[in-house]
N, C-alpha and C. Protein backbone atom coordinates (compact mmCIF):
# COMPACT_ATOMS: atom_id res chain seq x y z
N MET A 1 146.16 106.02 144.71
CA MET A 1 145.91 107.42 144.99
C MET A 1 146.62 107.78 146.28
N ARG A 2 147.23 108.91 146.28
CA ARG A 2 147.87 109.38 147.50
C ARG A 2 146.82 110.07 148.36
N ILE A 3 146.73 109.65 149.59
CA ILE A 3 145.73 110.21 150.50
C ILE A 3 145.92 111.71 150.64
N SER A 4 147.17 112.18 150.69
CA SER A 4 147.40 113.61 150.90
C SER A 4 146.83 114.45 149.77
N VAL A 5 146.86 113.96 148.54
CA VAL A 5 146.29 114.70 147.41
C VAL A 5 144.78 114.82 147.58
N TRP A 6 144.13 113.71 147.92
CA TRP A 6 142.68 113.73 148.09
C TRP A 6 142.29 114.66 149.23
N ILE A 7 143.02 114.59 150.33
CA ILE A 7 142.71 115.43 151.49
C ILE A 7 142.91 116.90 151.16
N ALA A 8 143.98 117.21 150.44
CA ALA A 8 144.24 118.61 150.08
C ALA A 8 143.14 119.16 149.18
N LEU A 9 142.73 118.39 148.20
CA LEU A 9 141.68 118.85 147.29
C LEU A 9 140.34 118.97 148.01
N LEU A 10 140.01 118.02 148.85
CA LEU A 10 138.76 118.11 149.59
C LEU A 10 138.79 119.30 150.55
N ALA A 11 139.94 119.57 151.14
CA ALA A 11 140.06 120.73 152.03
C ALA A 11 139.82 122.02 151.26
N LEU A 12 140.37 122.12 150.06
CA LEU A 12 140.12 123.30 149.24
C LEU A 12 138.64 123.45 148.93
N VAL A 13 138.01 122.34 148.60
CA VAL A 13 136.57 122.38 148.31
C VAL A 13 135.80 122.78 149.55
N ALA A 14 136.17 122.21 150.68
CA ALA A 14 135.45 122.50 151.92
C ALA A 14 135.54 123.97 152.29
N THR A 15 136.70 124.56 152.11
CA THR A 15 136.88 125.95 152.49
C THR A 15 136.27 126.92 151.49
N THR A 16 135.96 126.41 150.29
CA THR A 16 135.34 127.28 149.29
C THR A 16 133.99 126.74 148.86
N SER A 17 133.38 125.89 149.69
CA SER A 17 132.15 125.22 149.27
C SER A 17 131.02 126.21 148.97
N CYS A 18 131.07 127.38 149.57
CA CYS A 18 130.01 128.35 149.25
C CYS A 18 130.09 128.77 147.80
N ALA A 19 131.27 128.70 147.20
CA ALA A 19 131.40 129.04 145.78
C ALA A 19 130.88 127.93 144.89
N ILE A 20 130.80 126.73 145.44
CA ILE A 20 130.35 125.58 144.66
C ILE A 20 128.85 125.39 144.81
N ASN A 21 128.36 125.62 145.99
CA ASN A 21 127.00 125.19 146.32
C ASN A 21 126.27 126.34 147.00
N ASP A 22 125.08 126.62 146.55
CA ASP A 22 124.30 127.72 147.11
C ASP A 22 123.36 127.30 148.22
N ARG A 23 123.51 126.09 148.75
CA ARG A 23 122.56 125.66 149.78
C ARG A 23 122.77 126.51 151.03
N GLU A 24 121.70 126.69 151.75
CA GLU A 24 121.71 127.64 152.85
C GLU A 24 121.76 126.98 154.22
N SER A 25 122.08 125.71 154.28
CA SER A 25 122.06 125.05 155.58
C SER A 25 123.12 125.63 156.51
N GLY A 26 124.27 125.99 155.98
CA GLY A 26 125.31 126.60 156.78
C GLY A 26 125.75 125.75 157.95
N ASP A 27 125.64 124.44 157.85
CA ASP A 27 125.94 123.56 158.97
C ASP A 27 127.42 123.21 159.10
N GLY A 28 128.26 123.69 158.19
CA GLY A 28 129.68 123.41 158.26
C GLY A 28 130.07 121.99 157.90
N VAL A 29 129.15 121.25 157.34
CA VAL A 29 129.40 119.87 156.93
C VAL A 29 129.55 119.84 155.41
N VAL A 30 130.59 119.17 154.94
CA VAL A 30 130.79 119.01 153.50
C VAL A 30 130.01 117.78 153.05
N GLU A 31 129.13 117.97 152.08
CA GLU A 31 128.32 116.88 151.52
C GLU A 31 129.09 116.26 150.36
N VAL A 32 129.42 114.97 150.49
CA VAL A 32 130.18 114.26 149.46
C VAL A 32 129.36 113.07 148.98
N TYR A 33 129.21 112.96 147.67
CA TYR A 33 128.58 111.78 147.08
C TYR A 33 129.67 111.03 146.33
N SER A 34 129.75 109.73 146.54
CA SER A 34 130.77 108.92 145.88
C SER A 34 130.16 107.69 145.25
N THR A 35 130.58 107.42 144.03
CA THR A 35 130.22 106.15 143.39
C THR A 35 131.26 105.09 143.71
N ARG A 36 132.33 105.49 144.39
CA ARG A 36 133.32 104.54 144.87
C ARG A 36 132.75 103.87 146.11
N SER A 37 133.30 102.73 146.46
CA SER A 37 132.76 101.97 147.59
C SER A 37 133.08 102.65 148.92
N GLU A 38 132.22 102.38 149.88
CA GLU A 38 132.42 102.90 151.23
C GLU A 38 133.73 102.38 151.81
N LYS A 39 134.09 101.16 151.47
CA LYS A 39 135.33 100.55 151.95
C LYS A 39 136.55 101.37 151.51
N ILE A 40 136.50 101.91 150.31
CA ILE A 40 137.60 102.73 149.80
C ILE A 40 137.55 104.14 150.38
N MET A 41 136.37 104.71 150.44
CA MET A 41 136.23 106.11 150.82
C MET A 41 136.35 106.37 152.32
N SER A 42 135.87 105.45 153.15
CA SER A 42 135.85 105.69 154.60
C SER A 42 137.20 106.08 155.19
N PRO A 43 138.28 105.36 154.88
CA PRO A 43 139.57 105.76 155.45
C PRO A 43 140.01 107.16 155.01
N LEU A 44 139.69 107.53 153.78
CA LEU A 44 140.05 108.87 153.29
C LEU A 44 139.26 109.94 154.03
N VAL A 45 137.98 109.70 154.20
CA VAL A 45 137.13 110.66 154.90
C VAL A 45 137.56 110.79 156.36
N GLU A 46 137.83 109.68 157.02
CA GLU A 46 138.27 109.72 158.41
C GLU A 46 139.56 110.52 158.56
N GLU A 47 140.50 110.29 157.66
CA GLU A 47 141.77 111.01 157.71
C GLU A 47 141.57 112.50 157.43
N PHE A 48 140.72 112.82 156.48
CA PHE A 48 140.40 114.21 156.17
C PHE A 48 139.81 114.90 157.39
N GLU A 49 138.82 114.27 158.03
CA GLU A 49 138.19 114.87 159.21
C GLU A 49 139.20 115.05 160.34
N LYS A 50 140.09 114.08 160.50
CA LYS A 50 141.11 114.14 161.55
C LYS A 50 142.08 115.30 161.30
N GLN A 51 142.51 115.46 160.06
CA GLN A 51 143.50 116.49 159.74
C GLN A 51 142.93 117.90 159.66
N THR A 52 141.67 118.02 159.28
CA THR A 52 141.10 119.36 159.06
C THR A 52 140.09 119.79 160.10
N GLY A 53 139.49 118.84 160.82
CA GLY A 53 138.42 119.18 161.75
C GLY A 53 137.10 119.47 161.05
N ILE A 54 137.04 119.28 159.74
CA ILE A 54 135.83 119.53 158.96
C ILE A 54 135.04 118.23 158.88
N LYS A 55 133.76 118.30 159.19
CA LYS A 55 132.88 117.13 159.16
C LYS A 55 132.44 116.86 157.72
N VAL A 56 132.42 115.57 157.36
CA VAL A 56 131.99 115.14 156.03
C VAL A 56 130.78 114.23 156.17
N HIS A 57 129.76 114.49 155.39
CA HIS A 57 128.61 113.59 155.31
C HIS A 57 128.70 112.88 153.97
N MET A 58 128.89 111.57 154.00
CA MET A 58 129.04 110.77 152.78
C MET A 58 127.70 110.21 152.33
N ARG A 59 127.52 110.16 151.02
CA ARG A 59 126.37 109.50 150.41
C ARG A 59 126.89 108.52 149.37
N TYR A 60 126.28 107.36 149.32
CA TYR A 60 126.64 106.33 148.36
C TYR A 60 125.36 105.82 147.69
N GLY A 61 125.52 105.11 146.60
CA GLY A 61 124.36 104.48 145.97
C GLY A 61 124.03 105.10 144.64
N ALA A 62 122.75 105.07 144.29
CA ALA A 62 122.30 105.62 143.01
C ALA A 62 122.58 107.12 142.97
N THR A 63 122.92 107.62 141.79
CA THR A 63 123.27 109.03 141.65
C THR A 63 122.11 109.91 142.11
N PRO A 64 122.38 110.75 143.09
CA PRO A 64 121.32 111.62 143.62
C PRO A 64 121.20 112.88 142.77
N ASP A 65 120.28 113.73 143.19
CA ASP A 65 120.22 115.07 142.64
C ASP A 65 121.46 115.77 143.18
N LEU A 66 122.34 116.20 142.30
CA LEU A 66 123.64 116.72 142.74
C LEU A 66 123.59 118.16 143.24
N LYS A 67 122.43 118.80 143.24
CA LYS A 67 122.40 120.21 143.65
C LYS A 67 122.73 120.39 145.13
N ASP A 68 122.58 119.37 145.95
CA ASP A 68 122.91 119.47 147.37
C ASP A 68 124.27 118.87 147.72
N ILE A 69 125.07 118.60 146.72
CA ILE A 69 126.37 117.95 146.92
C ILE A 69 127.49 118.98 146.73
N ASP A 70 128.46 118.99 147.67
CA ASP A 70 129.63 119.85 147.52
C ASP A 70 130.70 119.18 146.67
N VAL A 71 130.86 117.86 146.86
CA VAL A 71 131.91 117.12 146.17
C VAL A 71 131.30 115.83 145.60
N PHE A 72 131.57 115.58 144.32
CA PHE A 72 131.14 114.34 143.66
C PHE A 72 132.40 113.57 143.31
N VAL A 73 132.58 112.38 143.90
CA VAL A 73 133.74 111.54 143.62
C VAL A 73 133.28 110.40 142.73
N ALA A 74 133.68 110.46 141.46
CA ALA A 74 133.26 109.46 140.48
C ALA A 74 134.24 108.30 140.45
N ASP A 75 133.71 107.14 140.17
CA ASP A 75 134.53 105.93 140.03
C ASP A 75 135.24 105.89 138.69
N ASP A 76 134.64 106.51 137.68
CA ASP A 76 135.26 106.54 136.35
C ASP A 76 134.79 107.78 135.59
N SER A 77 135.47 108.09 134.51
CA SER A 77 135.16 109.30 133.75
C SER A 77 133.79 109.26 133.11
N GLY A 78 133.27 108.08 132.82
CA GLY A 78 131.94 107.97 132.24
C GLY A 78 130.87 108.56 133.14
N GLN A 79 131.06 108.42 134.45
CA GLN A 79 130.10 108.99 135.39
C GLN A 79 130.13 110.51 135.35
N LEU A 80 131.31 111.08 135.13
CA LEU A 80 131.41 112.53 135.00
C LEU A 80 130.67 113.02 133.76
N VAL A 81 130.78 112.25 132.68
CA VAL A 81 130.09 112.61 131.45
C VAL A 81 128.58 112.60 131.67
N ARG A 82 128.08 111.59 132.37
CA ARG A 82 126.64 111.48 132.60
C ARG A 82 126.07 112.63 133.43
N VAL A 83 126.86 113.19 134.33
CA VAL A 83 126.35 114.26 135.20
C VAL A 83 126.93 115.63 134.86
N ARG A 84 127.63 115.74 133.74
CA ARG A 84 128.35 116.98 133.43
C ARG A 84 127.49 118.23 133.48
N ASP A 85 126.24 118.14 133.09
CA ASP A 85 125.37 119.32 133.09
C ASP A 85 124.93 119.73 134.49
N GLU A 86 125.13 118.86 135.47
CA GLU A 86 124.77 119.17 136.85
C GLU A 86 125.96 119.68 137.66
N LEU A 87 127.16 119.62 137.10
CA LEU A 87 128.35 120.02 137.82
C LEU A 87 128.55 121.52 137.74
N ALA A 88 128.83 122.14 138.89
CA ALA A 88 129.13 123.57 138.93
C ALA A 88 130.59 123.79 138.55
N GLU A 89 130.90 124.99 138.16
CA GLU A 89 132.28 125.33 137.84
C GLU A 89 133.10 125.33 139.13
N LEU A 90 134.27 124.70 139.06
CA LEU A 90 135.16 124.67 140.23
C LEU A 90 135.77 126.05 140.46
N PRO A 91 135.93 126.44 141.70
CA PRO A 91 136.61 127.71 142.00
C PRO A 91 138.06 127.65 141.52
N ASP A 92 138.59 128.77 141.08
CA ASP A 92 139.95 128.82 140.54
C ASP A 92 141.01 128.24 141.47
N PRO A 93 140.95 128.47 142.81
CA PRO A 93 141.99 127.89 143.67
C PRO A 93 142.08 126.37 143.57
N ILE A 94 140.95 125.72 143.38
CA ILE A 94 140.95 124.26 143.24
C ILE A 94 141.43 123.87 141.85
N TRP A 95 140.84 124.48 140.85
CA TRP A 95 141.12 124.12 139.45
C TRP A 95 142.60 124.30 139.11
N ARG A 96 143.21 125.39 139.60
CA ARG A 96 144.63 125.68 139.27
C ARG A 96 145.60 124.72 139.96
N LYS A 97 145.18 124.11 141.06
CA LYS A 97 146.08 123.20 141.78
C LYS A 97 146.29 121.88 141.05
N VAL A 98 145.43 121.57 140.10
CA VAL A 98 145.49 120.28 139.41
C VAL A 98 146.18 120.47 138.06
N PRO A 99 147.18 119.62 137.72
CA PRO A 99 147.85 119.73 136.43
C PRO A 99 146.84 119.71 135.27
N SER A 100 147.12 120.47 134.23
CA SER A 100 146.16 120.67 133.14
C SER A 100 145.67 119.37 132.50
N GLN A 101 146.51 118.34 132.44
CA GLN A 101 146.07 117.09 131.82
C GLN A 101 145.07 116.33 132.69
N TYR A 102 144.88 116.75 133.94
CA TYR A 102 143.97 116.06 134.84
C TYR A 102 142.77 116.93 135.24
N ARG A 103 142.45 117.92 134.43
CA ARG A 103 141.31 118.78 134.77
C ARG A 103 140.54 119.14 133.50
N ASP A 104 139.29 119.42 133.70
CA ASP A 104 138.38 119.79 132.62
C ASP A 104 138.61 121.24 132.23
N PRO A 105 138.82 121.52 130.93
CA PRO A 105 138.98 122.91 130.50
C PRO A 105 137.78 123.79 130.86
N ALA A 106 136.60 123.18 130.98
CA ALA A 106 135.40 123.93 131.36
C ALA A 106 135.27 124.10 132.87
N LYS A 107 136.26 123.64 133.62
CA LYS A 107 136.33 123.79 135.09
C LYS A 107 135.23 123.05 135.84
N ARG A 108 134.73 121.95 135.29
CA ARG A 108 133.67 121.21 135.98
C ARG A 108 134.20 120.05 136.80
N TRP A 109 135.41 119.57 136.54
CA TRP A 109 135.95 118.46 137.33
C TRP A 109 137.47 118.55 137.35
N ALA A 110 138.05 117.88 138.35
CA ALA A 110 139.50 117.75 138.47
C ALA A 110 139.80 116.35 138.94
N GLY A 111 140.83 115.76 138.39
CA GLY A 111 141.20 114.40 138.78
C GLY A 111 141.87 114.38 140.14
N ILE A 112 141.52 113.38 140.95
CA ILE A 112 142.15 113.21 142.26
C ILE A 112 142.82 111.86 142.39
N SER A 113 142.65 111.00 141.40
CA SER A 113 143.30 109.69 141.43
C SER A 113 143.40 109.17 140.01
N ALA A 114 144.18 108.13 139.85
CA ALA A 114 144.33 107.51 138.53
C ALA A 114 144.38 106.01 138.72
N ARG A 115 144.09 105.31 137.65
CA ARG A 115 144.19 103.86 137.70
C ARG A 115 144.58 103.36 136.32
N GLU A 116 145.05 102.14 136.29
CA GLU A 116 145.38 101.50 135.03
C GLU A 116 144.45 100.32 134.83
N ASP A 117 143.98 100.16 133.63
CA ASP A 117 143.16 99.01 133.28
C ASP A 117 143.97 98.11 132.36
N GLY A 118 143.84 96.83 132.53
CA GLY A 118 144.56 95.89 131.68
C GLY A 118 143.64 95.26 130.67
N SER A 119 144.22 94.55 129.74
CA SER A 119 143.42 93.82 128.76
C SER A 119 144.06 92.47 128.50
N LEU A 120 143.25 91.55 128.05
CA LEU A 120 143.72 90.21 127.69
C LEU A 120 143.63 90.07 126.19
N THR A 121 144.55 89.34 125.61
CA THR A 121 144.49 89.09 124.18
C THR A 121 144.43 87.60 123.96
N ALA A 122 143.48 87.17 123.18
CA ALA A 122 143.36 85.76 122.82
C ALA A 122 143.93 85.62 121.41
N VAL A 123 145.22 85.34 121.32
CA VAL A 123 145.89 85.21 120.03
C VAL A 123 145.22 84.09 119.23
N GLY A 124 144.88 84.37 118.00
CA GLY A 124 144.24 83.38 117.16
C GLY A 124 142.73 83.43 117.21
N ILE A 125 142.18 84.07 118.20
CA ILE A 125 140.72 84.20 118.30
C ILE A 125 140.32 85.62 117.94
N LEU A 126 140.99 86.60 118.57
CA LEU A 126 140.71 87.99 118.25
C LEU A 126 141.60 88.40 117.09
N THR A 127 140.99 88.76 116.00
CA THR A 127 141.76 89.20 114.84
C THR A 127 141.19 90.51 114.34
N HIS A 128 141.96 91.19 113.55
CA HIS A 128 141.53 92.46 112.98
C HIS A 128 142.08 92.56 111.57
N ALA A 129 141.28 93.06 110.67
CA ALA A 129 141.67 93.14 109.26
C ALA A 129 142.92 93.98 109.05
N ASP A 130 143.15 94.96 109.91
CA ASP A 130 144.31 95.84 109.76
C ASP A 130 145.57 95.27 110.40
N GLY A 131 145.53 94.09 110.93
CA GLY A 131 146.69 93.51 111.58
C GLY A 131 146.68 93.73 113.07
N ASP A 132 147.78 93.40 113.70
CA ASP A 132 147.87 93.50 115.15
C ASP A 132 147.80 94.94 115.61
N LYS A 133 147.13 95.13 116.71
CA LYS A 133 147.04 96.44 117.35
C LYS A 133 147.54 96.27 118.78
N ASP A 134 148.19 97.29 119.30
CA ASP A 134 148.59 97.17 120.70
C ASP A 134 147.41 97.60 121.58
N ALA A 135 147.58 97.48 122.88
CA ALA A 135 146.47 97.68 123.83
C ALA A 135 145.87 99.08 123.77
N ARG A 136 146.64 100.07 123.33
CA ARG A 136 146.10 101.43 123.29
C ARG A 136 144.96 101.58 122.28
N HIS A 137 144.84 100.64 121.35
CA HIS A 137 143.78 100.71 120.35
C HIS A 137 142.48 100.07 120.82
N PHE A 138 142.50 99.37 121.95
CA PHE A 138 141.32 98.70 122.46
C PHE A 138 140.76 99.50 123.63
N THR A 139 139.47 99.77 123.59
CA THR A 139 138.84 100.52 124.68
C THR A 139 137.55 99.82 125.08
N GLY A 140 137.05 100.18 126.21
CA GLY A 140 135.77 99.63 126.64
C GLY A 140 135.94 98.55 127.68
N ASN A 141 134.86 97.91 128.01
CA ASN A 141 134.88 96.83 128.99
C ASN A 141 135.36 95.55 128.34
N LEU A 142 136.23 94.84 129.02
CA LEU A 142 136.72 93.59 128.48
C LEU A 142 135.68 92.50 128.60
N PHE A 143 135.04 92.37 129.74
CA PHE A 143 134.03 91.33 129.93
C PHE A 143 132.72 91.97 130.37
N SER A 144 131.66 91.56 129.74
CA SER A 144 130.34 92.02 130.16
C SER A 144 129.87 91.12 131.30
N LYS A 145 128.77 91.46 131.90
CA LYS A 145 128.23 90.65 132.99
C LYS A 145 127.84 89.26 132.53
N GLU A 146 127.56 89.12 131.25
CA GLU A 146 127.17 87.82 130.71
C GLU A 146 128.37 86.92 130.45
N GLY A 147 129.59 87.41 130.73
CA GLY A 147 130.78 86.59 130.52
C GLY A 147 131.32 86.66 129.11
N GLN A 148 130.83 87.60 128.33
CA GLN A 148 131.32 87.72 126.96
C GLN A 148 132.42 88.78 126.92
N ALA A 149 133.57 88.39 126.40
CA ALA A 149 134.65 89.36 126.23
C ALA A 149 134.27 90.26 125.06
N ARG A 150 134.43 91.55 125.25
CA ARG A 150 134.09 92.44 124.15
C ARG A 150 134.97 93.68 124.18
N PHE A 151 135.13 94.27 123.04
CA PHE A 151 135.87 95.51 122.91
C PHE A 151 135.02 96.48 122.13
N ASP A 152 135.19 97.76 122.39
CA ASP A 152 134.51 98.73 121.54
C ASP A 152 135.11 98.64 120.15
N GLU A 153 134.54 99.34 119.23
CA GLU A 153 134.99 99.23 117.85
C GLU A 153 136.43 99.66 117.69
N VAL A 154 137.16 98.91 116.92
CA VAL A 154 138.53 99.24 116.54
C VAL A 154 138.48 99.36 115.03
N GLY A 155 138.76 100.54 114.52
CA GLY A 155 138.61 100.73 113.09
C GLY A 155 137.14 100.63 112.74
N GLU A 156 136.81 99.83 111.76
CA GLU A 156 135.43 99.69 111.31
C GLU A 156 134.76 98.44 111.84
N LYS A 157 135.52 97.56 112.45
CA LYS A 157 134.99 96.24 112.82
C LYS A 157 135.11 96.02 114.33
N PRO A 158 134.01 95.71 115.04
CA PRO A 158 134.15 95.41 116.46
C PRO A 158 134.78 94.04 116.66
N LEU A 159 135.57 93.92 117.69
CA LEU A 159 136.19 92.65 118.02
C LEU A 159 135.40 92.02 119.15
N VAL A 160 134.93 90.81 118.95
CA VAL A 160 134.13 90.13 119.97
C VAL A 160 134.60 88.70 120.10
N ALA A 161 134.75 88.24 121.32
CA ALA A 161 135.08 86.84 121.57
C ALA A 161 134.34 86.41 122.82
N ASP A 162 133.81 85.24 122.81
CA ASP A 162 133.14 84.70 123.98
C ASP A 162 134.21 84.14 124.91
N ALA A 163 134.07 84.41 126.21
CA ALA A 163 135.06 83.93 127.18
C ALA A 163 135.20 82.42 127.10
N ALA A 164 134.11 81.71 126.82
CA ALA A 164 134.18 80.25 126.70
C ALA A 164 135.06 79.84 125.52
N GLU A 165 135.05 80.63 124.43
CA GLU A 165 135.91 80.33 123.28
C GLU A 165 137.38 80.39 123.68
N VAL A 166 137.72 81.38 124.49
CA VAL A 166 139.11 81.53 124.93
C VAL A 166 139.52 80.33 125.76
N VAL A 167 138.67 79.91 126.69
CA VAL A 167 138.97 78.76 127.54
C VAL A 167 139.10 77.50 126.70
N GLU A 168 138.18 77.28 125.77
CA GLU A 168 138.22 76.10 124.90
C GLU A 168 139.47 76.09 124.04
N ALA A 169 139.87 77.24 123.53
CA ALA A 169 141.08 77.31 122.71
C ALA A 169 142.30 76.93 123.54
N ASP A 170 142.34 77.36 124.79
CA ASP A 170 143.45 76.99 125.66
C ASP A 170 143.48 75.49 125.94
N LYS A 171 142.32 74.90 126.11
CA LYS A 171 142.25 73.46 126.36
C LYS A 171 142.70 72.68 125.13
N ALA A 172 142.29 73.13 123.96
CA ALA A 172 142.61 72.42 122.71
C ALA A 172 144.08 72.54 122.35
N ASP A 173 144.70 73.66 122.69
CA ASP A 173 146.10 73.89 122.33
C ASP A 173 146.84 74.39 123.56
N PRO A 174 147.56 73.50 124.26
CA PRO A 174 148.26 73.91 125.48
C PRO A 174 149.29 75.02 125.24
N ASN A 175 149.78 75.15 124.01
CA ASN A 175 150.75 76.19 123.69
C ASN A 175 150.08 77.51 123.30
N HIS A 176 148.74 77.49 123.25
CA HIS A 176 147.99 78.69 122.87
C HIS A 176 148.21 79.77 123.92
N GLN A 177 148.53 80.97 123.48
CA GLN A 177 148.76 82.08 124.41
C GLN A 177 147.54 82.97 124.44
N SER A 178 146.89 83.04 125.59
CA SER A 178 145.72 83.93 125.71
C SER A 178 145.96 84.93 126.80
């Protein structure tokens, strides 16, 4: 993520926060809740405060009641889906600054960063009745907390492989590509 993009968008929110939030504190502090780590957010917030002179109060942890929040920074799109009914419509100056592919048509969110997720393929273990699929056909979490590799459904059949199976297959066949 480019820091300048985040700072510019937060500055727009800060200067129009009355359009986002009806709280009456009037303290001039932008309330930001982030599901991203403090380690990631702190340098961005410090730079924003330095460049704009606007004070930011950060909140981290379990999702709060969002009615007192000016800016919600989600770690992934799933978090936006979970709180979508609590999100206020973004003011037009903010919404228009973001390319259409990175903003919600209902004006509830705008993207400020992007990331790429990778996937692993265990050839010979993960199979599908329709033949090989490239990575764009696989979605979801690759590994659960229990160490089980899993994919959301592809076609009609979910693909599941235990991480231990992948390791064992590699041990049994040194030429095995996983």
